[in-house]
mmCIF file of all heavy atoms, coordinates in Angstrom:
data_MODEL
# 
_entry.id   MODEL 
# 
loop_
_atom_site.group_PDB 
_atom_site.id 
_atom_site.type_symbol 
_atom_site.label_atom_id 
_atom_site.label_alt_id 
_atom_site.label_comp_id 
_atom_site.label_asym_id 
_atom_site.label_entity_id 
_atom_site.label_seq_id 
_atom_site.pdbx_PDB_ins_code 
_atom_site.Cartn_x 
_atom_site.Cartn_y 
_atom_site.Cartn_z 
_atom_site.occupancy 
_atom_site.B_iso_or_equiv 
_atom_site.pdbx_formal_charge 
_atom_site.auth_seq_id 
_atom_site.auth_comp_id 
_atom_site.auth_asym_id 
_atom_site.auth_atom_id 
_atom_site.pdbx_PDB_model_num 
ATOM 1   N N   . ALA A 1 1  ? 0.835   -1.205 0.000   1.00 0.00 ? 1  ALA A N   1 
ATOM 2   C CA  . ALA A 1 1  ? 0.000   0.000  0.000   1.00 0.00 ? 1  ALA A CA  1 
ATOM 3   C C   . ALA A 1 1  ? 0.870   1.255  0.000   1.00 0.00 ? 1  ALA A C   1 
ATOM 4   O O   . ALA A 1 1  ? 0.549   2.246  -0.680  1.00 0.00 ? 1  ALA A O   1 
ATOM 5   C CB  . ALA A 1 1  ? -0.925  -0.003 1.216   1.00 0.00 ? 1  ALA A CB  1 
ATOM 6   N N   . MET A 1 2  ? 1.962   1.228  0.761   1.00 0.00 ? 2  MET A N   1 
ATOM 7   C CA  . MET A 1 2  ? 2.881   2.364  0.767   1.00 0.00 ? 2  MET A CA  1 
ATOM 8   C C   . MET A 1 2  ? 3.512   2.570  -0.603  1.00 0.00 ? 2  MET A C   1 
ATOM 9   O O   . MET A 1 2  ? 3.646   3.703  -1.089  1.00 0.00 ? 2  MET A O   1 
ATOM 10  C CB  . MET A 1 2  ? 3.967   2.139  1.817   1.00 0.00 ? 2  MET A CB  1 
ATOM 11  C CG  . MET A 1 2  ? 4.939   3.304  1.982   1.00 0.00 ? 2  MET A CG  1 
ATOM 12  S SD  . MET A 1 2  ? 6.380   3.206  0.884   1.00 0.00 ? 2  MET A SD  1 
ATOM 13  C CE  . MET A 1 2  ? 7.351   1.954  1.695   1.00 0.00 ? 2  MET A CE  1 
ATOM 14  N N   . LEU A 1 3  ? 3.894   1.475  -1.266  1.00 0.00 ? 3  LEU A N   1 
ATOM 15  C CA  . LEU A 1 3  ? 4.499   1.573  -2.597  1.00 0.00 ? 3  LEU A CA  1 
ATOM 16  C C   . LEU A 1 3  ? 3.490   2.066  -3.638  1.00 0.00 ? 3  LEU A C   1 
ATOM 17  O O   . LEU A 1 3  ? 3.846   2.805  -4.553  1.00 0.00 ? 3  LEU A O   1 
ATOM 18  C CB  . LEU A 1 3  ? 5.069   0.216  -3.003  1.00 0.00 ? 3  LEU A CB  1 
ATOM 19  C CG  . LEU A 1 3  ? 6.288   -0.251 -2.200  1.00 0.00 ? 3  LEU A CG  1 
ATOM 20  C CD1 . LEU A 1 3  ? 6.684   -1.675 -2.590  1.00 0.00 ? 3  LEU A CD1 1 
ATOM 21  C CD2 . LEU A 1 3  ? 7.465   0.685  -2.410  1.00 0.00 ? 3  LEU A CD2 1 
ATOM 22  N N   . ILE A 1 4  ? 2.231   1.643  -3.520  1.00 0.00 ? 4  ILE A N   1 
ATOM 23  C CA  . ILE A 1 4  ? 1.193   2.138  -4.416  1.00 0.00 ? 4  ILE A CA  1 
ATOM 24  C C   . ILE A 1 4  ? 1.049   3.647  -4.268  1.00 0.00 ? 4  ILE A C   1 
ATOM 25  O O   . ILE A 1 4  ? 0.931   4.381  -5.255  1.00 0.00 ? 4  ILE A O   1 
ATOM 26  C CB  . ILE A 1 4  ? -0.144  1.437  -4.139  1.00 0.00 ? 4  ILE A CB  1 
ATOM 27  C CG1 . ILE A 1 4  ? -0.072  -0.042 -4.558  1.00 0.00 ? 4  ILE A CG1 1 
ATOM 28  C CG2 . ILE A 1 4  ? -1.282  2.130  -4.879  1.00 0.00 ? 4  ILE A CG2 1 
ATOM 29  C CD1 . ILE A 1 4  ? -1.309  -0.830 -4.203  1.00 0.00 ? 4  ILE A CD1 1 
ATOM 30  N N   . SER A 1 5  ? 1.074   4.116  -3.026  1.00 0.00 ? 5  SER A N   1 
ATOM 31  C CA  . SER A 1 5  ? 1.004   5.547  -2.784  1.00 0.00 ? 5  SER A CA  1 
ATOM 32  C C   . SER A 1 5  ? 2.217   6.268  -3.361  1.00 0.00 ? 5  SER A C   1 
ATOM 33  O O   . SER A 1 5  ? 2.081   7.340  -3.968  1.00 0.00 ? 5  SER A O   1 
ATOM 34  C CB  . SER A 1 5  ? 0.911   5.819  -1.278  1.00 0.00 ? 5  SER A CB  1 
ATOM 35  O OG  . SER A 1 5  ? 0.983   7.200  -1.002  1.00 0.00 ? 5  SER A OG  1 
ATOM 36  N N   . ARG A 1 6  ? 3.377   5.671  -3.210  1.00 0.00 ? 6  ARG A N   1 
ATOM 37  C CA  . ARG A 1 6  ? 4.617   6.325  -3.644  1.00 0.00 ? 6  ARG A CA  1 
ATOM 38  C C   . ARG A 1 6  ? 4.720   6.417  -5.158  1.00 0.00 ? 6  ARG A C   1 
ATOM 39  O O   . ARG A 1 6  ? 5.140   7.451  -5.700  1.00 0.00 ? 6  ARG A O   1 
ATOM 40  C CB  . ARG A 1 6  ? 5.822   5.563  -3.074  1.00 0.00 ? 6  ARG A CB  1 
ATOM 41  C CG  . ARG A 1 6  ? 7.182   6.071  -3.567  1.00 0.00 ? 6  ARG A CG  1 
ATOM 42  C CD  . ARG A 1 6  ? 8.311   5.419  -2.783  1.00 0.00 ? 6  ARG A CD  1 
ATOM 43  N NE  . ARG A 1 6  ? 8.273   5.820  -1.385  1.00 0.00 ? 6  ARG A NE  1 
ATOM 44  C CZ  . ARG A 1 6  ? 9.135   5.389  -0.473  1.00 0.00 ? 6  ARG A CZ  1 
ATOM 45  N NH1 . ARG A 1 6  ? 10.098  4.525  -0.815  1.00 0.00 ? 6  ARG A NH1 1 
ATOM 46  N NH2 . ARG A 1 6  ? 9.051   5.802  0.783   1.00 0.00 ? 6  ARG A NH2 1 
ATOM 47  N N   . TYR A 1 7  ? 4.339   5.356  -5.866  1.00 0.00 ? 7  TYR A N   1 
ATOM 48  C CA  . TYR A 1 7  ? 4.581   5.303  -7.304  1.00 0.00 ? 7  TYR A CA  1 
ATOM 49  C C   . TYR A 1 7  ? 3.342   5.533  -8.168  1.00 0.00 ? 7  TYR A C   1 
ATOM 50  O O   . TYR A 1 7  ? 3.463   5.835  -9.359  1.00 0.00 ? 7  TYR A O   1 
ATOM 51  C CB  . TYR A 1 7  ? 5.212   3.965  -7.685  1.00 0.00 ? 7  TYR A CB  1 
ATOM 52  C CG  . TYR A 1 7  ? 6.594   3.793  -7.091  1.00 0.00 ? 7  TYR A CG  1 
ATOM 53  C CD1 . TYR A 1 7  ? 6.815   2.878  -6.065  1.00 0.00 ? 7  TYR A CD1 1 
ATOM 54  C CD2 . TYR A 1 7  ? 7.666   4.548  -7.554  1.00 0.00 ? 7  TYR A CD2 1 
ATOM 55  C CE1 . TYR A 1 7  ? 8.083   2.720  -5.517  1.00 0.00 ? 7  TYR A CE1 1 
ATOM 56  C CE2 . TYR A 1 7  ? 8.930   4.397  -7.014  1.00 0.00 ? 7  TYR A CE2 1 
ATOM 57  C CZ  . TYR A 1 7  ? 9.136   3.481  -5.995  1.00 0.00 ? 7  TYR A CZ  1 
ATOM 58  O OH  . TYR A 1 7  ? 10.383  3.337  -5.446  1.00 0.00 ? 7  TYR A OH  1 
ATOM 59  N N   . LEU A 1 8  ? 2.157   5.375  -7.591  1.00 0.00 ? 8  LEU A N   1 
ATOM 60  C CA  . LEU A 1 8  ? 0.938   5.502  -8.391  1.00 0.00 ? 8  LEU A CA  1 
ATOM 61  C C   . LEU A 1 8  ? 0.017   6.627  -7.943  1.00 0.00 ? 8  LEU A C   1 
ATOM 62  O O   . LEU A 1 8  ? -0.705  7.200  -8.758  1.00 0.00 ? 8  LEU A O   1 
ATOM 63  C CB  . LEU A 1 8  ? 0.157   4.185  -8.376  1.00 0.00 ? 8  LEU A CB  1 
ATOM 64  C CG  . LEU A 1 8  ? 0.891   2.961  -8.923  1.00 0.00 ? 8  LEU A CG  1 
ATOM 65  C CD1 . LEU A 1 8  ? 0.025   1.722  -8.762  1.00 0.00 ? 8  LEU A CD1 1 
ATOM 66  C CD2 . LEU A 1 8  ? 1.264   3.160  -10.379 1.00 0.00 ? 8  LEU A CD2 1 
ATOM 67  N N   . LEU A 1 9  ? -0.001  6.931  -6.648  1.00 0.00 ? 9  LEU A N   1 
ATOM 68  C CA  . LEU A 1 9  ? -0.960  7.903  -6.121  1.00 0.00 ? 9  LEU A CA  1 
ATOM 69  C C   . LEU A 1 9  ? -0.301  9.137  -5.529  1.00 0.00 ? 9  LEU A C   1 
ATOM 70  O O   . LEU A 1 9  ? -0.941  9.883  -4.785  1.00 0.00 ? 9  LEU A O   1 
ATOM 71  C CB  . LEU A 1 9  ? -1.831  7.233  -5.037  1.00 0.00 ? 9  LEU A CB  1 
ATOM 72  C CG  . LEU A 1 9  ? -2.612  5.990  -5.448  1.00 0.00 ? 9  LEU A CG  1 
ATOM 73  C CD1 . LEU A 1 9  ? -3.363  5.415  -4.258  1.00 0.00 ? 9  LEU A CD1 1 
ATOM 74  C CD2 . LEU A 1 9  ? -3.575  6.309  -6.575  1.00 0.00 ? 9  LEU A CD2 1 
ATOM 75  N N   . ARG A 1 10 ? 0.962   9.360  -5.837  1.00 0.00 ? 10 ARG A N   1 
ATOM 76  C CA  . ARG A 1 10 ? 1.714   10.438 -5.193  1.00 0.00 ? 10 ARG A CA  1 
ATOM 77  C C   . ARG A 1 10 ? 1.020   11.797 -5.340  1.00 0.00 ? 10 ARG A C   1 
ATOM 78  O O   . ARG A 1 10 ? 0.833   12.522 -4.355  1.00 0.00 ? 10 ARG A O   1 
ATOM 79  C CB  . ARG A 1 10 ? 3.126   10.509 -5.775  1.00 0.00 ? 10 ARG A CB  1 
ATOM 80  C CG  . ARG A 1 10 ? 3.954   11.683 -5.278  1.00 0.00 ? 10 ARG A CG  1 
ATOM 81  C CD  . ARG A 1 10 ? 5.359   11.632 -5.827  1.00 0.00 ? 10 ARG A CD  1 
ATOM 82  N NE  . ARG A 1 10 ? 6.113   10.534 -5.244  1.00 0.00 ? 10 ARG A NE  1 
ATOM 83  C CZ  . ARG A 1 10 ? 6.788   10.639 -4.096  1.00 0.00 ? 10 ARG A CZ  1 
ATOM 84  N NH1 . ARG A 1 10 ? 6.788   11.778 -3.435  1.00 0.00 ? 10 ARG A NH1 1 
ATOM 85  N NH2 . ARG A 1 10 ? 7.461   9.612  -3.635  1.00 0.00 ? 10 ARG A NH2 1 
ATOM 86  N N   . ASP A 1 11 ? 0.651   12.159 -6.547  1.00 0.00 ? 11 ASP A N   1 
ATOM 87  C CA  . ASP A 1 11 ? 0.047   13.479 -6.778  1.00 0.00 ? 11 ASP A CA  1 
ATOM 88  C C   . ASP A 1 11 ? -1.279  13.621 -6.046  1.00 0.00 ? 11 ASP A C   1 
ATOM 89  O O   . ASP A 1 11 ? -1.566  14.663 -5.442  1.00 0.00 ? 11 ASP A O   1 
ATOM 90  C CB  . ASP A 1 11 ? -0.157  13.717 -8.279  1.00 0.00 ? 11 ASP A CB  1 
ATOM 91  C CG  . ASP A 1 11 ? 1.162   13.798 -9.031  1.00 0.00 ? 11 ASP A CG  1 
ATOM 92  O OD1 . ASP A 1 11 ? 2.191   14.096 -8.386  1.00 0.00 ? 11 ASP A OD1 1 
ATOM 93  O OD2 . ASP A 1 11 ? 1.175   13.547 -10.252 1.00 0.00 ? 11 ASP A OD2 1 
ATOM 94  N N   . TRP A 1 12 ? -2.103  12.574 -6.078  1.00 0.00 ? 12 TRP A N   1 
ATOM 95  C CA  . TRP A 1 12 ? -3.407  12.627 -5.412  1.00 0.00 ? 12 TRP A CA  1 
ATOM 96  C C   . TRP A 1 12 ? -3.248  12.747 -3.900  1.00 0.00 ? 12 TRP A C   1 
ATOM 97  O O   . TRP A 1 12 ? -3.928  13.547 -3.250  1.00 0.00 ? 12 TRP A O   1 
ATOM 98  C CB  . TRP A 1 12 ? -4.218  11.388 -5.765  1.00 0.00 ? 12 TRP A CB  1 
ATOM 99  C CG  . TRP A 1 12 ? -5.554  11.354 -5.080  1.00 0.00 ? 12 TRP A CG  1 
ATOM 100 C CD1 . TRP A 1 12 ? -6.687  12.005 -5.447  1.00 0.00 ? 12 TRP A CD1 1 
ATOM 101 C CD2 . TRP A 1 12 ? -5.875  10.625 -3.873  1.00 0.00 ? 12 TRP A CD2 1 
ATOM 102 N NE1 . TRP A 1 12 ? -7.708  11.733 -4.557  1.00 0.00 ? 12 TRP A NE1 1 
ATOM 103 C CE2 . TRP A 1 12 ? -7.245  10.895 -3.585  1.00 0.00 ? 12 TRP A CE2 1 
ATOM 104 C CE3 . TRP A 1 12 ? -5.150  9.782  -3.031  1.00 0.00 ? 12 TRP A CE3 1 
ATOM 105 C CZ2 . TRP A 1 12 ? -7.879  10.351 -2.479  1.00 0.00 ? 12 TRP A CZ2 1 
ATOM 106 C CZ3 . TRP A 1 12 ? -5.788  9.241  -1.924  1.00 0.00 ? 12 TRP A CZ3 1 
ATOM 107 C CH2 . TRP A 1 12 ? -7.149  9.523  -1.664  1.00 0.00 ? 12 TRP A CH2 1 
ATOM 108 N N   . VAL A 1 13 ? -2.353  11.945 -3.328  1.00 0.00 ? 13 VAL A N   1 
ATOM 109 C CA  . VAL A 1 13 ? -2.131  11.996 -1.875  1.00 0.00 ? 13 VAL A CA  1 
ATOM 110 C C   . VAL A 1 13 ? -1.602  13.363 -1.470  1.00 0.00 ? 13 VAL A C   1 
ATOM 111 O O   . VAL A 1 13 ? -2.018  13.930 -0.450  1.00 0.00 ? 13 VAL A O   1 
ATOM 112 C CB  . VAL A 1 13 ? -1.152  10.883 -1.438  1.00 0.00 ? 13 VAL A CB  1 
ATOM 113 C CG1 . VAL A 1 13 ? -0.789  11.028 0.036   1.00 0.00 ? 13 VAL A CG1 1 
ATOM 114 C CG2 . VAL A 1 13 ? -1.764  9.507  -1.695  1.00 0.00 ? 13 VAL A CG2 1 
ATOM 115 N N   . GLN A 1 14 ? -0.695  13.901 -2.259  1.00 0.00 ? 14 GLN A N   1 
ATOM 116 C CA  . GLN A 1 14 ? -0.123  15.210 -1.946  1.00 0.00 ? 14 GLN A CA  1 
ATOM 117 C C   . GLN A 1 14 ? -1.191  16.294 -1.941  1.00 0.00 ? 14 GLN A C   1 
ATOM 118 O O   . GLN A 1 14 ? -1.205  17.172 -1.066  1.00 0.00 ? 14 GLN A O   1 
ATOM 119 C CB  . GLN A 1 14 ? 0.971   15.558 -2.962  1.00 0.00 ? 14 GLN A CB  1 
ATOM 120 C CG  . GLN A 1 14 ? 1.715   16.849 -2.654  1.00 0.00 ? 14 GLN A CG  1 
ATOM 121 C CD  . GLN A 1 14 ? 2.488   16.768 -1.360  1.00 0.00 ? 14 GLN A CD  1 
ATOM 122 O OE1 . GLN A 1 14 ? 3.343   15.913 -1.183  1.00 0.00 ? 14 GLN A OE1 1 
ATOM 123 N NE2 . GLN A 1 14 ? 2.187   17.671 -0.433  1.00 0.00 ? 14 GLN A NE2 1 
ATOM 124 N N   . ARG A 1 15 ? -2.117  16.241 -2.908  1.00 0.00 ? 15 ARG A N   1 
ATOM 125 C CA  . ARG A 1 15 ? -3.187  17.241 -2.966  1.00 0.00 ? 15 ARG A CA  1 
ATOM 126 C C   . ARG A 1 15 ? -4.208  17.031 -1.852  1.00 0.00 ? 15 ARG A C   1 
ATOM 127 O O   . ARG A 1 15 ? -4.653  17.995 -1.223  1.00 0.00 ? 15 ARG A O   1 
ATOM 128 C CB  . ARG A 1 15 ? -3.898  17.182 -4.321  1.00 0.00 ? 15 ARG A CB  1 
ATOM 129 C CG  . ARG A 1 15 ? -3.070  17.671 -5.505  1.00 0.00 ? 15 ARG A CG  1 
ATOM 130 C CD  . ARG A 1 15 ? -3.963  17.888 -6.720  1.00 0.00 ? 15 ARG A CD  1 
ATOM 131 N NE  . ARG A 1 15 ? -4.720  16.690 -7.053  1.00 0.00 ? 15 ARG A NE  1 
ATOM 132 C CZ  . ARG A 1 15 ? -4.305  15.764 -7.904  1.00 0.00 ? 15 ARG A CZ  1 
ATOM 133 N NH1 . ARG A 1 15 ? -3.133  15.889 -8.509  1.00 0.00 ? 15 ARG A NH1 1 
ATOM 134 N NH2 . ARG A 1 15 ? -5.054  14.708 -8.165  1.00 0.00 ? 15 ARG A NH2 1 
ATOM 135 N N   . ARG A 1 16 ? -4.565  15.776 -1.619  1.00 0.00 ? 16 ARG A N   1 
ATOM 136 C CA  . ARG A 1 16 ? -5.642  15.468 -0.674  1.00 0.00 ? 16 ARG A CA  1 
ATOM 137 C C   . ARG A 1 16 ? -5.214  15.642 0.777   1.00 0.00 ? 16 ARG A C   1 
ATOM 138 O O   . ARG A 1 16 ? -6.013  16.069 1.627   1.00 0.00 ? 16 ARG A O   1 
ATOM 139 C CB  . ARG A 1 16 ? -6.116  14.024 -0.916  1.00 0.00 ? 16 ARG A CB  1 
ATOM 140 C CG  . ARG A 1 16 ? -7.232  13.560 -0.014  1.00 0.00 ? 16 ARG A CG  1 
ATOM 141 C CD  . ARG A 1 16 ? -8.514  14.334 -0.297  1.00 0.00 ? 16 ARG A CD  1 
ATOM 142 N NE  . ARG A 1 16 ? -9.613  13.833 0.492   1.00 0.00 ? 16 ARG A NE  1 
ATOM 143 C CZ  . ARG A 1 16 ? -9.825  14.144 1.774   1.00 0.00 ? 16 ARG A CZ  1 
ATOM 144 N NH1 . ARG A 1 16 ? -9.035  14.988 2.389   1.00 0.00 ? 16 ARG A NH1 1 
ATOM 145 N NH2 . ARG A 1 16 ? -10.853 13.646 2.433   1.00 0.00 ? 16 ARG A NH2 1 
ATOM 146 N N   . PHE A 1 17 ? -3.979  15.333 1.101   1.00 0.00 ? 17 PHE A N   1 
ATOM 147 C CA  . PHE A 1 17 ? -3.535  15.351 2.493   1.00 0.00 ? 17 PHE A CA  1 
ATOM 148 C C   . PHE A 1 17 ? -2.315  16.251 2.680   1.00 0.00 ? 17 PHE A C   1 
ATOM 149 O O   . PHE A 1 17 ? -1.384  15.901 3.395   1.00 0.00 ? 17 PHE A O   1 
ATOM 150 C CB  . PHE A 1 17 ? -3.195  13.925 2.952   1.00 0.00 ? 17 PHE A CB  1 
ATOM 151 C CG  . PHE A 1 17 ? -4.307  12.934 2.765   1.00 0.00 ? 17 PHE A CG  1 
ATOM 152 C CD1 . PHE A 1 17 ? -4.262  12.003 1.734   1.00 0.00 ? 17 PHE A CD1 1 
ATOM 153 C CD2 . PHE A 1 17 ? -5.409  12.938 3.605   1.00 0.00 ? 17 PHE A CD2 1 
ATOM 154 C CE1 . PHE A 1 17 ? -5.289  11.080 1.557   1.00 0.00 ? 17 PHE A CE1 1 
ATOM 155 C CE2 . PHE A 1 17 ? -6.440  12.020 3.435   1.00 0.00 ? 17 PHE A CE2 1 
ATOM 156 C CZ  . PHE A 1 17 ? -6.385  11.094 2.404   1.00 0.00 ? 17 PHE A CZ  1 
ATOM 157 N N   . SER A 1 18 ? -2.319  17.400 2.042   1.00 0.00 ? 18 SER A N   1 
ATOM 158 C CA  . SER A 1 18 ? -1.144  18.278 2.070   1.00 0.00 ? 18 SER A CA  1 
ATOM 159 C C   . SER A 1 18 ? -0.797  18.732 3.485   1.00 0.00 ? 18 SER A C   1 
ATOM 160 O O   . SER A 1 18 ? 0.380   18.763 3.871   1.00 0.00 ? 18 SER A O   1 
ATOM 161 C CB  . SER A 1 18 ? -1.374  19.493 1.166   1.00 0.00 ? 18 SER A CB  1 
ATOM 162 O OG  . SER A 1 18 ? -2.538  20.207 1.567   1.00 0.00 ? 18 SER A OG  1 
ATOM 163 N N   . ARG A 1 19 ? -1.800  19.076 4.282   1.00 0.00 ? 19 ARG A N   1 
ATOM 164 C CA  . ARG A 1 19 ? -1.526  19.536 5.649   1.00 0.00 ? 19 ARG A CA  1 
ATOM 165 C C   . ARG A 1 19 ? -0.972  18.414 6.510   1.00 0.00 ? 19 ARG A C   1 
ATOM 166 O O   . ARG A 1 19 ? -0.034  18.618 7.295   1.00 0.00 ? 19 ARG A O   1 
ATOM 167 C CB  . ARG A 1 19 ? -2.795  20.101 6.277   1.00 0.00 ? 19 ARG A CB  1 
ATOM 168 C CG  . ARG A 1 19 ? -3.288  21.392 5.614   1.00 0.00 ? 19 ARG A CG  1 
ATOM 169 C CD  . ARG A 1 19 ? -4.491  21.952 6.347   1.00 0.00 ? 19 ARG A CD  1 
ATOM 170 N NE  . ARG A 1 19 ? -4.948  23.197 5.726   1.00 0.00 ? 19 ARG A NE  1 
ATOM 171 C CZ  . ARG A 1 19 ? -5.994  23.908 6.176   1.00 0.00 ? 19 ARG A CZ  1 
ATOM 172 N NH1 . ARG A 1 19 ? -6.668  23.480 7.246   1.00 0.00 ? 19 ARG A NH1 1 
ATOM 173 N NH2 . ARG A 1 19 ? -6.339  25.017 5.563   1.00 0.00 ? 19 ARG A NH2 1 
ATOM 174 N N   . MET A 1 20 ? -1.549  17.238 6.395   1.00 0.00 ? 20 MET A N   1 
ATOM 175 C CA  . MET A 1 20 ? -1.037  16.103 7.159   1.00 0.00 ? 20 MET A CA  1 
ATOM 176 C C   . MET A 1 20 ? 0.372   15.751 6.730   1.00 0.00 ? 20 MET A C   1 
ATOM 177 O O   . MET A 1 20 ? 1.212   15.349 7.551   1.00 0.00 ? 20 MET A O   1 
ATOM 178 C CB  . MET A 1 20 ? -1.970  14.892 6.996   1.00 0.00 ? 20 MET A CB  1 
ATOM 179 C CG  . MET A 1 20 ? -3.343  15.080 7.593   1.00 0.00 ? 20 MET A CG  1 
ATOM 180 S SD  . MET A 1 20 ? -4.366  13.589 7.419   1.00 0.00 ? 20 MET A SD  1 
ATOM 181 C CE  . MET A 1 20 ? -5.895  14.161 8.147   1.00 0.00 ? 20 MET A CE  1 
ATOM 182 N N   . MET A 1 21 ? 0.652   15.880 5.428   1.00 0.00 ? 21 MET A N   1 
ATOM 183 C CA  . MET A 1 21 ? 1.988   15.550 4.932   1.00 0.00 ? 21 MET A CA  1 
ATOM 184 C C   . MET A 1 21 ? 3.038   16.469 5.533   1.00 0.00 ? 21 MET A C   1 
ATOM 185 O O   . MET A 1 21 ? 4.169   16.045 5.789   1.00 0.00 ? 21 MET A O   1 
ATOM 186 C CB  . MET A 1 21 ? 2.031   15.654 3.402   1.00 0.00 ? 21 MET A CB  1 
ATOM 187 C CG  . MET A 1 21 ? 1.575   14.410 2.664   1.00 0.00 ? 21 MET A CG  1 
ATOM 188 S SD  . MET A 1 21 ? 2.431   12.891 3.186   1.00 0.00 ? 21 MET A SD  1 
ATOM 189 C CE  . MET A 1 21 ? 4.145   13.362 3.095   1.00 0.00 ? 21 MET A CE  1 
ATOM 190 N N   . GLU A 1 22 ? 2.693   17.703 5.787   1.00 0.00 ? 22 GLU A N   1 
ATOM 191 C CA  . GLU A 1 22 ? 3.635   18.621 6.416   1.00 0.00 ? 22 GLU A CA  1 
ATOM 192 C C   . GLU A 1 22 ? 4.020   18.114 7.805   1.00 0.00 ? 22 GLU A C   1 
ATOM 193 O O   . GLU A 1 22 ? 5.203   18.138 8.182   1.00 0.00 ? 22 GLU A O   1 
ATOM 194 C CB  . GLU A 1 22 ? 3.025   20.018 6.507   1.00 0.00 ? 22 GLU A CB  1 
ATOM 195 C CG  . GLU A 1 22 ? 2.806   20.690 5.156   1.00 0.00 ? 22 GLU A CG  1 
ATOM 196 C CD  . GLU A 1 22 ? 2.156   22.055 5.300   1.00 0.00 ? 22 GLU A CD  1 
ATOM 197 O OE1 . GLU A 1 22 ? 1.927   22.476 6.453   1.00 0.00 ? 22 GLU A OE1 1 
ATOM 198 O OE2 . GLU A 1 22 ? 1.881   22.693 4.269   1.00 0.00 ? 22 GLU A OE2 1 
ATOM 199 N N   . LYS A 1 23 ? 3.038   17.638 8.558   1.00 0.00 ? 23 LYS A N   1 
ATOM 200 C CA  . LYS A 1 23 ? 3.311   17.118 9.894   1.00 0.00 ? 23 LYS A CA  1 
ATOM 201 C C   . LYS A 1 23 ? 4.145   15.837 9.824   1.00 0.00 ? 23 LYS A C   1 
ATOM 202 O O   . LYS A 1 23 ? 5.074   15.638 10.607  1.00 0.00 ? 23 LYS A O   1 
ATOM 203 C CB  . LYS A 1 23 ? 2.000   16.843 10.629  1.00 0.00 ? 23 LYS A CB  1 
ATOM 204 C CG  . LYS A 1 23 ? 1.149   18.081 10.863  1.00 0.00 ? 23 LYS A CG  1 
ATOM 205 C CD  . LYS A 1 23 ? -0.140  17.723 11.579  1.00 0.00 ? 23 LYS A CD  1 
ATOM 206 C CE  . LYS A 1 23 ? -1.002  18.959 11.798  1.00 0.00 ? 23 LYS A CE  1 
ATOM 207 N NZ  . LYS A 1 23 ? -2.289  18.630 12.483  1.00 0.00 ? 23 LYS A NZ  1 
ATOM 208 N N   . VAL A 1 24 ? 3.797   14.958 8.874   1.00 0.00 ? 24 VAL A N   1 
ATOM 209 C CA  . VAL A 1 24 ? 4.526   13.694 8.752   1.00 0.00 ? 24 VAL A CA  1 
ATOM 210 C C   . VAL A 1 24 ? 5.967   13.942 8.324   1.00 0.00 ? 24 VAL A C   1 
ATOM 211 O O   . VAL A 1 24 ? 6.899   13.352 8.881   1.00 0.00 ? 24 VAL A O   1 
ATOM 212 C CB  . VAL A 1 24 ? 3.814   12.766 7.745   1.00 0.00 ? 24 VAL A CB  1 
ATOM 213 C CG1 . VAL A 1 24 ? 4.691   11.559 7.415   1.00 0.00 ? 24 VAL A CG1 1 
ATOM 214 C CG2 . VAL A 1 24 ? 2.471   12.310 8.315   1.00 0.00 ? 24 VAL A CG2 1 
ATOM 215 N N   . ASN A 1 25 ? 6.159   14.814 7.353   1.00 0.00 ? 25 ASN A N   1 
ATOM 216 C CA  . ASN A 1 25 ? 7.524   15.114 6.911   1.00 0.00 ? 25 ASN A CA  1 
ATOM 217 C C   . ASN A 1 25 ? 8.357   15.708 8.044   1.00 0.00 ? 25 ASN A C   1 
ATOM 218 O O   . ASN A 1 25 ? 9.531   15.365 8.215   1.00 0.00 ? 25 ASN A O   1 
ATOM 219 C CB  . ASN A 1 25 ? 7.499   16.084 5.726   1.00 0.00 ? 25 ASN A CB  1 
ATOM 220 C CG  . ASN A 1 25 ? 7.072   15.411 4.438   1.00 0.00 ? 25 ASN A CG  1 
ATOM 221 O OD1 . ASN A 1 25 ? 7.361   14.240 4.220   1.00 0.00 ? 25 ASN A OD1 1 
ATOM 222 N ND2 . ASN A 1 25 ? 6.379   16.144 3.585   1.00 0.00 ? 25 ASN A ND2 1 
ATOM 223 N N   . LEU A 1 26 ? 7.739   16.573 8.825   1.00 0.00 ? 26 LEU A N   1 
ATOM 224 C CA  . LEU A 1 26 ? 8.438   17.160 9.967   1.00 0.00 ? 26 LEU A CA  1 
ATOM 225 C C   . LEU A 1 26 ? 8.786   16.090 10.993  1.00 0.00 ? 26 LEU A C   1 
ATOM 226 O O   . LEU A 1 26 ? 9.891   16.075 11.551  1.00 0.00 ? 26 LEU A O   1 
ATOM 227 C CB  . LEU A 1 26 ? 7.572   18.254 10.604  1.00 0.00 ? 26 LEU A CB  1 
ATOM 228 C CG  . LEU A 1 26 ? 8.170   18.975 11.815  1.00 0.00 ? 26 LEU A CG  1 
ATOM 229 C CD1 . LEU A 1 26 ? 9.462   19.688 11.416  1.00 0.00 ? 26 LEU A CD1 1 
ATOM 230 C CD2 . LEU A 1 26 ? 7.165   19.960 12.406  1.00 0.00 ? 26 LEU A CD2 1 
# 
């Protein structure tokens, strides 16, 4: 599931969960 997100859904996840991604990256 992580690999699917990384290679197939990257753009969608980035748009949909941009605020959460900031917290996770930090």
